[in-house]
Protein backbone atom coordinates (compact mmCIF):
# COMPACT_ATOMS: atom_id res chain seq x y z
CA MET A 1 27.79 -24.51 -5.35
CA SER A 2 27.11 -23.32 -1.87
CA GLY A 3 28.69 -23.80 1.48
CA ILE A 4 32.24 -23.98 2.63
CA GLN A 5 34.86 -26.10 0.92
CA TYR A 6 37.85 -27.01 3.05
CA VAL A 7 41.18 -27.71 1.35
CA THR A 8 44.66 -28.47 2.55
CA LYS A 9 47.45 -25.93 2.32
CA ASP A 10 49.05 -27.94 -0.51
CA THR A 11 45.79 -28.02 -2.43
CA LEU A 12 45.33 -24.28 -1.98
CA GLU A 13 48.82 -23.62 -3.32
CA GLN A 14 48.15 -25.86 -6.33
CA MET A 15 44.87 -24.06 -6.97
CA LYS A 16 46.69 -20.70 -6.90
CA ILE A 17 49.27 -21.99 -9.38
CA ASP A 18 46.52 -23.29 -11.67
CA LEU A 19 44.67 -19.97 -11.51
CA GLN A 20 47.80 -18.00 -12.43
CA ARG A 21 48.44 -20.38 -15.38
CA MET A 22 44.87 -19.91 -16.56
CA LYS A 23 45.17 -16.12 -16.36
CA ALA A 24 48.61 -15.91 -17.97
CA VAL A 25 48.50 -18.71 -20.56
CA ASP A 26 45.08 -20.22 -21.20
CA ARG A 27 42.97 -17.05 -21.36
CA PRO A 28 45.27 -15.21 -23.80
CA ALA A 29 45.45 -18.31 -26.00
CA ALA A 30 41.66 -18.55 -26.09
CA SER A 31 41.41 -14.85 -26.94
CA ARG A 32 43.82 -15.29 -29.84
CA ALA A 33 41.90 -18.31 -31.11
CA ILE A 34 38.62 -16.39 -30.98
CA ALA A 35 40.16 -13.43 -32.79
CA GLU A 36 41.54 -15.72 -35.49
CA ALA A 37 38.15 -17.41 -35.92
CA ARG A 38 36.45 -14.01 -36.24
CA GLU A 39 38.91 -12.97 -38.93
CA LYS A 40 38.24 -16.15 -40.90
CA ALA A 41 34.47 -15.73 -40.56
CA THR A 42 34.44 -12.32 -42.19
């Protein structure tokens, strides 16, 4: 993806909220799931 992408202020705020949720909730959950799968594989 190249170039500039213009977004509204509301969209930017929603994107920031989504990013924080991904960092705080989704990524740790994925890490736990991967760790659990590794334990079961061994």
